[in-house]
Amino acid sequence: RTPTAVDFGRLLLTSAIWGSAFLCIELALQNFAPIAIACWRVVIACL
């Protein structure tokens, strides 16, 4: 469907949340291995 104002708002919100991921990954790498970061974020989100 043609995007509405709500769709553009949803896109902006998704981008804002997703944009924070890389900062968090940088902080998590202080203690966690790359594969562990990928795993535990997925498992917790899955639950």
All heavy atoms as atom14 arrays in JSON, in Angstrom:
{
  "sequence": "RTPTAVDFGRLLLTSAIWGSAFLCIELALQNFAPIAIACWRVVIACL",
  "atom14_mask": [
    [1, 1, 1, 1, 1, 1, 1, 1, 1, 1, 1, 0, 0, 0],
    [1, 1, 1, 1, 1, 1, 1, 0, 0, 0, 0, 0, 0, 0],
    [1, 1, 1, 1, 1, 1, 1, 0, 0, 0, 0, 0, 0, 0],
    [1, 1, 1, 1, 1, 1, 1, 0, 0, 0, 0, 0, 0, 0],
    [1, 1, 1, 1, 1, 0, 0, 0, 0, 0, 0, 0, 0, 0],
    [1, 1, 1, 1, 1, 1, 1, 0, 0, 0, 0, 0, 0, 0],
    [1, 1, 1, 1, 1, 1, 1, 1, 0, 0, 0, 0, 0, 0],
    [1, 1, 1, 1, 1, 1, 1, 1, 1, 1, 1, 0, 0, 0],
    [1, 1, 1, 1, 0, 0, 0, 0, 0, 0, 0, 0, 0, 0],
    [1, 1, 1, 1, 1, 1, 1, 1, 1, 1, 1, 0, 0, 0],
    [1, 1, 1, 1, 1, 1, 1, 1, 0, 0, 0, 0, 0, 0],
    [1, 1, 1, 1, 1, 1, 1, 1, 0, 0, 0, 0, 0, 0],
    [1, 1, 1, 1, 1, 1, 1, 1, 0, 0, 0, 0, 0, 0],
    [1, 1, 1, 1, 1, 1, 1, 0, 0, 0, 0, 0, 0, 0],
    [1, 1, 1, 1, 1, 1, 0, 0, 0, 0, 0, 0, 0, 0],
    [1, 1, 1, 1, 1, 0, 0, 0, 0, 0, 0, 0, 0, 0],
    [1, 1, 1, 1, 1, 1, 1, 1, 0, 0, 0, 0, 0, 0],
    [1, 1, 1, 1, 1, 1, 1, 1, 1, 1, 1, 1, 1, 1],
    [1, 1, 1, 1, 0, 0, 0, 0, 0, 0, 0, 0, 0, 0],
    [1, 1, 1, 1, 1, 1, 0, 0, 0, 0, 0, 0, 0, 0],
    [1, 1, 1, 1, 1, 0, 0, 0, 0, 0, 0, 0, 0, 0],
    [1, 1, 1, 1, 1, 1, 1, 1, 1, 1, 1, 0, 0, 0],
    [1, 1, 1, 1, 1, 1, 1, 1, 0, 0, 0, 0, 0, 0],
    [1, 1, 1, 1, 1, 1, 0, 0, 0, 0, 0, 0, 0, 0],
    [1, 1, 1, 1, 1, 1, 1, 1, 0, 0, 0, 0, 0, 0],
    [1, 1, 1, 1, 1, 1, 1, 1, 1, 0, 0, 0, 0, 0],
    [1, 1, 1, 1, 1, 1, 1, 1, 0, 0, 0, 0, 0, 0],
    [1, 1, 1, 1, 1, 0, 0, 0, 0, 0, 0, 0, 0, 0],
    [1, 1, 1, 1, 1, 1, 1, 1, 0, 0, 0, 0, 0, 0],
    [1, 1, 1, 1, 1, 1, 1, 1, 1, 0, 0, 0, 0, 0],
    [1, 1, 1, 1, 1, 1, 1, 1, 0, 0, 0, 0, 0, 0],
    [1, 1, 1, 1, 1, 1, 1, 1, 1, 1, 1, 0, 0, 0],
    [1, 1, 1, 1, 1, 0, 0, 0, 0, 0, 0, 0, 0, 0],
    [1, 1, 1, 1, 1, 1, 1, 0, 0, 0, 0, 0, 0, 0],
    [1, 1, 1, 1, 1, 1, 1, 1, 0, 0, 0, 0, 0, 0],
    [1, 1, 1, 1, 1, 0, 0, 0, 0, 0, 0, 0, 0, 0],
    [1, 1, 1, 1, 1, 1, 1, 1, 0, 0, 0, 0, 0, 0],
    [1, 1, 1, 1, 1, 0, 0, 0, 0, 0, 0, 0, 0, 0],
    [1, 1, 1, 1, 1, 1, 0, 0, 0, 0, 0, 0, 0, 0],
    [1, 1, 1, 1, 1, 1, 1, 1, 1, 1, 1, 1, 1, 1],
    [1, 1, 1, 1, 1, 1, 1, 1, 1, 1, 1, 0, 0, 0],
    [1, 1, 1, 1, 1, 1, 1, 0, 0, 0, 0, 0, 0, 0],
    [1, 1, 1, 1, 1, 1, 1, 0, 0, 0, 0, 0, 0, 0],
    [1, 1, 1, 1, 1, 1, 1, 1, 0, 0, 0, 0, 0, 0],
    [1, 1, 1, 1, 1, 0, 0, 0, 0, 0, 0, 0, 0, 0],
    [1, 1, 1, 1, 1, 1, 0, 0, 0, 0, 0, 0, 0, 0],
    [1, 1, 1, 1, 1, 1, 1, 1, 0, 0, 0, 0, 0, 0]
  ],
  "atom14_positions": [
    [[0.83, -1.19, 0.0], [0.0, 0.0, 0.0], [0.88, 1.25, 0.0], [2.05, 1.22, 0.39], [-0.93, 0.01, 1.22], [-0.24, 0.4, 2.53], [-1.19, 0.35, 3.7], [-0.58, 0.91, 4.92], [-1.09, 0.77, 6.13], [-2.21, 0.1, 6.29], [-0.48, 1.31, 7.19], [0.0, 0.0, 0.0], [0.0, 0.0, 0.0], [0.0, 0.0, 0.0]],
    [[0.27, 2.35, -0.43], [0.97, 3.64, -0.39], [1.21, 4.05, 1.05], [0.28, 4.02, 1.86], [0.13, 4.71, -1.1], [-0.1, 4.31, -2.45], [0.85, 6.05, -1.08], [0.0, 0.0, 0.0], [0.0, 0.0, 0.0], [0.0, 0.0, 0.0], [0.0, 0.0, 0.0], [0.0, 0.0, 0.0], [0.0, 0.0, 0.0], [0.0, 0.0, 0.0]],
    [[2.45, 4.43, 1.41], [2.74, 4.79, 2.8], [1.92, 5.97, 3.28], [1.72, 6.95, 2.56], [4.24, 5.13, 2.76], [4.77, 4.44, 1.56], [3.66, 4.46, 0.56], [0.0, 0.0, 0.0], [0.0, 0.0, 0.0], [0.0, 0.0, 0.0], [0.0, 0.0, 0.0], [0.0, 0.0, 0.0], [0.0, 0.0, 0.0], [0.0, 0.0, 0.0]],
    [[1.43, 5.87, 4.5], [0.69, 6.94, 5.16], [1.6, 7.63, 6.17], [2.75, 7.23, 6.37], [-0.55, 6.39, 5.87], [-0.11, 5.51, 6.93], [-1.43, 5.6, 4.92], [0.0, 0.0, 0.0], [0.0, 0.0, 0.0], [0.0, 0.0, 0.0], [0.0, 0.0, 0.0], [0.0, 0.0, 0.0], [0.0, 0.0, 0.0], [0.0, 0.0, 0.0]],
    [[1.05, 8.66, 6.84], [1.83, 9.34, 7.87], [2.21, 8.37, 8.99], [3.31, 8.45, 9.55], [1.02, 10.52, 8.43], [0.0, 0.0, 0.0], [0.0, 0.0, 0.0], [0.0, 0.0, 0.0], [0.0, 0.0, 0.0], [0.0, 0.0, 0.0], [0.0, 0.0, 0.0], [0.0, 0.0, 0.0], [0.0, 0.0, 0.0], [0.0, 0.0, 0.0]],
    [[1.31, 7.46, 9.31], [1.6, 6.45, 10.34], [2.75, 5.55, 9.9], [3.62, 5.19, 10.7], [0.34, 5.61, 10.65], [0.68, 4.46, 11.59], [-0.75, 6.48, 11.25], [0.0, 0.0, 0.0], [0.0, 0.0, 0.0], [0.0, 0.0, 0.0], [0.0, 0.0, 0.0], [0.0, 0.0, 0.0], [0.0, 0.0, 0.0], [0.0, 0.0, 0.0]],
    [[2.77, 5.18, 8.63], [3.85, 4.34, 8.11], [5.2, 5.04, 8.18], [6.21, 4.44, 8.55], [3.55, 3.94, 6.66], [2.31, 3.08, 6.54], [2.09, 2.25, 7.42], [1.56, 3.27, 5.57], [0.0, 0.0, 0.0], [0.0, 0.0, 0.0], [0.0, 0.0, 0.0], [0.0, 0.0, 0.0], [0.0, 0.0, 0.0], [0.0, 0.0, 0.0]],
    [[5.22, 6.35, 7.83], [6.46, 7.1, 7.94], [6.89, 7.23, 9.4], [8.09, 7.19, 9.71], [6.29, 8.48, 7.31], [6.42, 8.48, 5.81], [5.3, 8.54, 5.0], [7.67, 8.38, 5.2], [5.41, 8.54, 3.62], [7.79, 8.37, 3.83], [6.65, 8.45, 3.03], [0.0, 0.0, 0.0], [0.0, 0.0, 0.0], [0.0, 0.0, 0.0]],
    [[5.93, 7.4, 10.3], [6.26, 7.46, 11.73], [6.83, 6.14, 12.22], [7.79, 6.12, 13.01], [0.0, 0.0, 0.0], [0.0, 0.0, 0.0], [0.0, 0.0, 0.0], [0.0, 0.0, 0.0], [0.0, 0.0, 0.0], [0.0, 0.0, 0.0], [0.0, 0.0, 0.0], [0.0, 0.0, 0.0], [0.0, 0.0, 0.0], [0.0, 0.0, 0.0]],
    [[6.26, 5.03, 11.74], [6.76, 3.71, 12.12], [8.18, 3.51, 11.6], [9.05, 2.95, 12.29], [5.82, 2.63, 11.57], [6.18, 1.22, 12.05], [5.28, 0.17, 11.44], [3.91, 0.28, 11.91], [2.87, 0.61, 11.15], [3.05, 0.88, 9.87], [1.65, 0.68, 11.65], [0.0, 0.0, 0.0], [0.0, 0.0, 0.0], [0.0, 0.0, 0.0]],
    [[8.45, 3.98, 10.37], [9.79, 3.88, 9.81], [10.8, 4.68, 10.63], [11.91, 4.21, 10.9], [9.77, 4.39, 8.36], [11.11, 4.35, 7.62], [11.52, 2.91, 7.33], [11.02, 5.14, 6.31], [0.0, 0.0, 0.0], [0.0, 0.0, 0.0], [0.0, 0.0, 0.0], [0.0, 0.0, 0.0], [0.0, 0.0, 0.0], [0.0, 0.0, 0.0]],
    [[10.4, 5.89, 11.04], [11.29, 6.74, 11.84], [11.57, 6.1, 13.19], [12.73, 6.09, 13.66], [10.65, 8.11, 12.03], [11.52, 9.21, 12.66], [12.68, 9.55, 11.75], [10.69, 10.45, 12.95], [0.0, 0.0, 0.0], [0.0, 0.0, 0.0], [0.0, 0.0, 0.0], [0.0, 0.0, 0.0], [0.0, 0.0, 0.0], [0.0, 0.0, 0.0]],
    [[10.55, 5.56, 13.85], [10.73, 4.92, 15.15], [11.63, 3.69, 15.03], [12.53, 3.48, 15.87], [9.37, 4.52, 15.73], [9.38, 3.77, 17.06], [10.03, 4.61, 18.15], [7.96, 3.36, 17.46], [0.0, 0.0, 0.0], [0.0, 0.0, 0.0], [0.0, 0.0, 0.0], [0.0, 0.0, 0.0], [0.0, 0.0, 0.0], [0.0, 0.0, 0.0]],
    [[11.41, 2.89, 14.0], [12.25, 1.7, 13.79], [13.71, 2.09, 13.6], [14.62, 1.47, 14.15], [11.76, 0.93, 12.55], [10.37, 0.61, 12.71], [12.55, -0.36, 12.37], [0.0, 0.0, 0.0], [0.0, 0.0, 0.0], [0.0, 0.0, 0.0], [0.0, 0.0, 0.0], [0.0, 0.0, 0.0], [0.0, 0.0, 0.0], [0.0, 0.0, 0.0]],
    [[13.94, 3.14, 12.82], [15.31, 3.6, 12.57], [15.98, 4.1, 13.84], [17.17, 3.85, 14.07], [15.31, 4.7, 11.51], [14.7, 4.26, 10.31], [0.0, 0.0, 0.0], [0.0, 0.0, 0.0], [0.0, 0.0, 0.0], [0.0, 0.0, 0.0], [0.0, 0.0, 0.0], [0.0, 0.0, 0.0], [0.0, 0.0, 0.0], [0.0, 0.0, 0.0]],
    [[15.21, 4.82, 14.67], [15.76, 5.34, 15.92], [16.17, 4.2, 16.86], [17.24, 4.23, 17.48], [14.74, 6.24, 16.6], [0.0, 0.0, 0.0], [0.0, 0.0, 0.0], [0.0, 0.0, 0.0], [0.0, 0.0, 0.0], [0.0, 0.0, 0.0], [0.0, 0.0, 0.0], [0.0, 0.0, 0.0], [0.0, 0.0, 0.0], [0.0, 0.0, 0.0]],
    [[15.32, 3.19, 16.95], [15.63, 2.03, 17.82], [16.81, 1.25, 17.25], [17.74, 0.88, 17.98], [14.4, 1.13, 17.97], [13.26, 1.88, 18.67], [14.75, -0.13, 18.76], [11.95, 1.11, 18.7], [0.0, 0.0, 0.0], [0.0, 0.0, 0.0], [0.0, 0.0, 0.0], [0.0, 0.0, 0.0], [0.0, 0.0, 0.0], [0.0, 0.0, 0.0]],
    [[16.76, 0.98, 15.96], [17.81, 0.2, 15.33], [19.15, 0.93, 15.38], [20.21, 0.32, 15.5], [17.44, -0.1, 13.88], [17.9, -1.43, 13.39], [18.91, -2.18, 13.92], [17.38, -2.15, 12.29], [19.06, -3.35, 13.2], [18.12, -3.35, 12.19], [16.38, -1.92, 11.36], [17.89, -4.29, 11.21], [16.14, -2.87, 10.38], [16.88, -4.04, 10.31]],
    [[19.11, 2.26, 15.27], [20.33, 3.03, 15.31], [21.08, 2.94, 16.62], [22.29, 3.19, 16.69], [0.0, 0.0, 0.0], [0.0, 0.0, 0.0], [0.0, 0.0, 0.0], [0.0, 0.0, 0.0], [0.0, 0.0, 0.0], [0.0, 0.0, 0.0], [0.0, 0.0, 0.0], [0.0, 0.0, 0.0], [0.0, 0.0, 0.0], [0.0, 0.0, 0.0]],
    [[20.37, 2.57, 17.69], [21.02, 2.42, 19.0], [21.76, 1.09, 19.14], [22.54, 0.91, 20.08], [19.98, 2.54, 20.11], [19.06, 1.45, 20.06], [0.0, 0.0, 0.0], [0.0, 0.0, 0.0], [0.0, 0.0, 0.0], [0.0, 0.0, 0.0], [0.0, 0.0, 0.0], [0.0, 0.0, 0.0], [0.0, 0.0, 0.0], [0.0, 0.0, 0.0]],
    [[21.51, 0.15, 18.22], [22.09, -1.18, 18.35], [23.61, -1.16, 18.31], [24.28, -1.88, 19.07], [21.55, -2.09, 17.23], [0.0, 0.0, 0.0], [0.0, 0.0, 0.0], [0.0, 0.0, 0.0], [0.0, 0.0, 0.0], [0.0, 0.0, 0.0], [0.0, 0.0, 0.0], [0.0, 0.0, 0.0], [0.0, 0.0, 0.0], [0.0, 0.0, 0.0]],
    [[24.18, -0.32, 17.46], [25.62, -0.35, 17.24], [26.39, 0.19, 18.44], [27.48, -0.26, 18.76], [25.94, 0.41, 15.97], [25.03, 0.04, 14.84], [24.03, 0.9, 14.42], [25.13, -1.2, 14.24], [23.15, 0.55, 13.4], [24.27, -1.57, 13.23], [23.27, -0.69, 12.81], [0.0, 0.0, 0.0], [0.0, 0.0, 0.0], [0.0, 0.0, 0.0]],
    [[25.8, 1.17, 19.11], [26.39, 1.66, 20.36], [26.38, 0.56, 21.41], [27.37, 0.35, 22.12], [25.62, 2.88, 20.84], [26.0, 3.43, 22.23], [27.45, 3.88, 22.25], [25.08, 4.59, 22.6], [0.0, 0.0, 0.0], [0.0, 0.0, 0.0], [0.0, 0.0, 0.0], [0.0, 0.0, 0.0], [0.0, 0.0, 0.0], [0.0, 0.0, 0.0]],
    [[25.27, -0.16, 21.51], [25.16, -1.24, 22.49], [26.12, -2.38, 22.18], [26.72, -2.97, 23.09], [23.72, -1.76, 22.53], [22.53, -0.6, 23.21], [0.0, 0.0, 0.0], [0.0, 0.0, 0.0], [0.0, 0.0, 0.0], [0.0, 0.0, 0.0], [0.0, 0.0, 0.0], [0.0, 0.0, 0.0], [0.0, 0.0, 0.0], [0.0, 0.0, 0.0]],
    [[26.27, -2.71, 20.89], [27.21, -3.76, 20.51], [28.63, -3.36, 20.9], [29.41, -4.18, 21.41], [27.12, -4.03, 18.99], [25.78, -4.69, 18.66], [28.28, -4.92, 18.54], [25.53, -4.84, 17.17], [0.0, 0.0, 0.0], [0.0, 0.0, 0.0], [0.0, 0.0, 0.0], [0.0, 0.0, 0.0], [0.0, 0.0, 0.0], [0.0, 0.0, 0.0]],
    [[28.97, -2.1, 20.67], [30.3, -1.61, 21.03], [30.55, -1.76, 22.53], [31.65, -2.13, 22.96], [30.43, -0.14, 20.61], [31.83, 0.42, 20.7], [31.96, 1.8, 20.06], [31.31, 2.04, 19.03], [32.71, 2.63, 20.61], [0.0, 0.0, 0.0], [0.0, 0.0, 0.0], [0.0, 0.0, 0.0], [0.0, 0.0, 0.0], [0.0, 0.0, 0.0]],
    [[29.53, -1.49, 23.34], [29.66, -1.64, 24.79], [29.71, -3.11, 25.2], [30.48, -3.5, 26.07], [28.48, -0.94, 25.49], [28.41, 0.58, 25.32], [27.12, 1.12, 25.94], [29.62, 1.26, 25.95], [0.0, 0.0, 0.0], [0.0, 0.0, 0.0], [0.0, 0.0, 0.0], [0.0, 0.0, 0.0], [0.0, 0.0, 0.0], [0.0, 0.0, 0.0]],
    [[28.9, -3.94, 24.56], [28.87, -5.36, 24.89], [30.18, -6.06, 24.55], [30.57, -7.03, 25.2], [27.7, -6.04, 24.18], [0.0, 0.0, 0.0], [0.0, 0.0, 0.0], [0.0, 0.0, 0.0], [0.0, 0.0, 0.0], [0.0, 0.0, 0.0], [0.0, 0.0, 0.0], [0.0, 0.0, 0.0], [0.0, 0.0, 0.0], [0.0, 0.0, 0.0]],
    [[30.87, -5.58, 23.51], [32.13, -6.2, 23.09], [33.23, -6.06, 24.14], [34.26, -6.72, 24.04], [32.6, -5.58, 21.77], [31.92, -6.1, 20.5], [32.28, -5.23, 19.31], [32.29, -7.56, 20.24], [0.0, 0.0, 0.0], [0.0, 0.0, 0.0], [0.0, 0.0, 0.0], [0.0, 0.0, 0.0], [0.0, 0.0, 0.0], [0.0, 0.0, 0.0]],
    [[33.0, -5.24, 25.15], [33.99, -5.12, 26.23], [34.15, -6.44, 26.98], [35.22, -6.72, 27.53], [33.56, -4.02, 27.2], [33.53, -2.62, 26.59], [32.99, -1.58, 27.55], [32.72, -1.87, 28.72], [32.83, -0.35, 27.08], [0.0, 0.0, 0.0], [0.0, 0.0, 0.0], [0.0, 0.0, 0.0], [0.0, 0.0, 0.0], [0.0, 0.0, 0.0]],
    [[33.09, -7.26, 27.0], [33.14, -8.53, 27.75], [32.69, -9.74, 26.94], [33.13, -10.86, 27.22], [32.26, -8.45, 29.0], [32.74, -7.42, 29.99], [32.12, -6.38, 30.19], [33.89, -7.66, 30.62], [0.0, 0.0, 0.0], [0.0, 0.0, 0.0], [0.0, 0.0, 0.0], [0.0, 0.0, 0.0], [0.0, 0.0, 0.0], [0.0, 0.0, 0.0]],
    [[31.82, -9.53, 25.95], [31.24, -10.66, 25.24], [31.87, -10.85, 23.87], [32.21, -9.87, 23.19], [29.72, -10.46, 25.07], [28.95, -10.56, 26.35], [28.73, -9.42, 27.13], [28.44, -11.76, 26.79], [28.02, -9.49, 28.31], [27.72, -11.85, 27.97], [27.51, -10.73, 28.74], [0.0, 0.0, 0.0], [0.0, 0.0, 0.0], [0.0, 0.0, 0.0]],
    [[32.0, -12.12, 23.45], [32.47, -12.43, 22.1], [31.36, -12.09, 21.1], [30.18, -12.09, 21.45], [32.83, -13.91, 22.0], [0.0, 0.0, 0.0], [0.0, 0.0, 0.0], [0.0, 0.0, 0.0], [0.0, 0.0, 0.0], [0.0, 0.0, 0.0], [0.0, 0.0, 0.0], [0.0, 0.0, 0.0], [0.0, 0.0, 0.0], [0.0, 0.0, 0.0]],
    [[31.71, -11.8, 19.84], [30.7, -11.46, 18.84], [29.58, -12.48, 18.72], [28.4, -12.12, 18.64], [31.51, -11.37, 17.54], [32.87, -10.97, 17.99], [33.08, -11.67, 19.3], [0.0, 0.0, 0.0], [0.0, 0.0, 0.0], [0.0, 0.0, 0.0], [0.0, 0.0, 0.0], [0.0, 0.0, 0.0], [0.0, 0.0, 0.0], [0.0, 0.0, 0.0]],
    [[29.91, -13.77, 18.72], [28.89, -14.8, 18.57], [27.98, -14.84, 19.8], [26.78, -15.1, 19.7], [29.54, -16.2, 18.34], [28.47, -17.22, 17.95], [30.3, -16.65, 19.57], [27.82, -16.96, 16.63], [0.0, 0.0, 0.0], [0.0, 0.0, 0.0], [0.0, 0.0, 0.0], [0.0, 0.0, 0.0], [0.0, 0.0, 0.0], [0.0, 0.0, 0.0]],
    [[28.54, -14.55, 20.98], [27.74, -14.53, 22.21], [26.75, -13.36, 22.2], [25.61, -13.49, 22.64], [28.64, -14.45, 23.44], [0.0, 0.0, 0.0], [0.0, 0.0, 0.0], [0.0, 0.0, 0.0], [0.0, 0.0, 0.0], [0.0, 0.0, 0.0], [0.0, 0.0, 0.0], [0.0, 0.0, 0.0], [0.0, 0.0, 0.0], [0.0, 0.0, 0.0]],
    [[27.19, -12.2, 21.7], [26.29, -11.06, 21.61], [25.12, -11.38, 20.69], [23.95, -11.12, 21.02], [27.05, -9.82, 21.08], [28.13, -9.4, 22.07], [26.09, -8.67, 20.8], [29.03, -8.3, 21.56], [0.0, 0.0, 0.0], [0.0, 0.0, 0.0], [0.0, 0.0, 0.0], [0.0, 0.0, 0.0], [0.0, 0.0, 0.0], [0.0, 0.0, 0.0]],
    [[25.44, -11.97, 19.52], [24.39, -12.33, 18.58], [23.42, -13.33, 19.21], [22.2, -13.21, 19.08], [24.99, -12.91, 17.31], [0.0, 0.0, 0.0], [0.0, 0.0, 0.0], [0.0, 0.0, 0.0], [0.0, 0.0, 0.0], [0.0, 0.0, 0.0], [0.0, 0.0, 0.0], [0.0, 0.0, 0.0], [0.0, 0.0, 0.0], [0.0, 0.0, 0.0]],
    [[23.96, -14.33, 19.91], [23.14, -15.38, 20.48], [22.21, -14.88, 21.58], [21.0, -15.08, 21.52], [24.03, -16.5, 21.02], [23.12, -17.82, 21.86], [0.0, 0.0, 0.0], [0.0, 0.0, 0.0], [0.0, 0.0, 0.0], [0.0, 0.0, 0.0], [0.0, 0.0, 0.0], [0.0, 0.0, 0.0], [0.0, 0.0, 0.0], [0.0, 0.0, 0.0]],
    [[22.75, -14.2, 22.57], [21.94, -13.86, 23.74], [20.91, -12.79, 23.44], [19.82, -12.79, 23.99], [22.84, -13.46, 24.91], [23.78, -14.55, 25.31], [25.13, -14.47, 25.43], [23.44, -15.91, 25.6], [25.67, -15.69, 25.77], [24.66, -16.6, 25.88], [22.25, -16.64, 25.62], [24.69, -17.95, 26.2], [22.29, -17.99, 25.94], [23.5, -18.62, 26.22]],
    [[21.2, -11.87, 22.51], [20.18, -10.9, 22.15], [19.02, -11.58, 21.42], [17.87, -11.19, 21.56], [20.78, -9.77, 21.29], [21.27, -10.18, 19.93], [21.87, -9.03, 19.12], [20.86, -8.08, 18.67], [21.09, -7.16, 17.73], [22.32, -7.06, 17.2], [20.13, -6.35, 17.34], [0.0, 0.0, 0.0], [0.0, 0.0, 0.0], [0.0, 0.0, 0.0]],
    [[19.35, -12.61, 20.63], [18.31, -13.34, 19.9], [17.49, -14.2, 20.85], [16.24, -14.22, 20.77], [18.95, -14.2, 18.79], [17.92, -15.17, 18.21], [19.51, -13.32, 17.7], [0.0, 0.0, 0.0], [0.0, 0.0, 0.0], [0.0, 0.0, 0.0], [0.0, 0.0, 0.0], [0.0, 0.0, 0.0], [0.0, 0.0, 0.0], [0.0, 0.0, 0.0]],
    [[18.14, -14.93, 21.74], [17.42, -15.83, 22.65], [16.48, -15.04, 23.57], [15.32, -15.41, 23.74], [18.43, -16.65, 23.48], [17.69, -17.42, 24.58], [19.19, -17.62, 22.58], [0.0, 0.0, 0.0], [0.0, 0.0, 0.0], [0.0, 0.0, 0.0], [0.0, 0.0, 0.0], [0.0, 0.0, 0.0], [0.0, 0.0, 0.0], [0.0, 0.0, 0.0]],
    [[16.97, -13.95, 24.14], [16.12, -13.15, 25.04], [14.96, -12.53, 24.27], [13.81, -12.55, 24.71], [16.96, -12.06, 25.73], [18.02, -12.69, 26.62], [16.06, -11.15, 26.57], [19.04, -11.7, 27.17], [0.0, 0.0, 0.0], [0.0, 0.0, 0.0], [0.0, 0.0, 0.0], [0.0, 0.0, 0.0], [0.0, 0.0, 0.0], [0.0, 0.0, 0.0]],
    [[15.24, -12.0, 23.08], [14.18, -11.42, 22.27], [13.16, -12.48, 21.86], [11.95, -12.22, 21.83], [14.78, -10.77, 21.02], [0.0, 0.0, 0.0], [0.0, 0.0, 0.0], [0.0, 0.0, 0.0], [0.0, 0.0, 0.0], [0.0, 0.0, 0.0], [0.0, 0.0, 0.0], [0.0, 0.0, 0.0], [0.0, 0.0, 0.0], [0.0, 0.0, 0.0]],
    [[13.64, -13.67, 21.56], [12.75, -14.77, 21.18], [11.77, -15.09, 22.32], [10.57, -15.26, 22.09], [13.57, -16.0, 20.81], [12.58, -17.43, 20.35], [0.0, 0.0, 0.0], [0.0, 0.0, 0.0], [0.0, 0.0, 0.0], [0.0, 0.0, 0.0], [0.0, 0.0, 0.0], [0.0, 0.0, 0.0], [0.0, 0.0, 0.0], [0.0, 0.0, 0.0]],
    [[12.28, -15.18, 23.53], [11.41, -15.47, 24.69], [10.36, -14.38, 24.88], [9.2, -14.66, 25.19], [12.26, -15.62, 25.95], [13.23, -16.81, 25.96], [14.09, -16.78, 27.22], [12.46, -18.13, 25.89], [0.0, 0.0, 0.0], [0.0, 0.0, 0.0], [0.0, 0.0, 0.0], [0.0, 0.0, 0.0], [0.0, 0.0, 0.0], [0.0, 0.0, 0.0]]
  ]
}
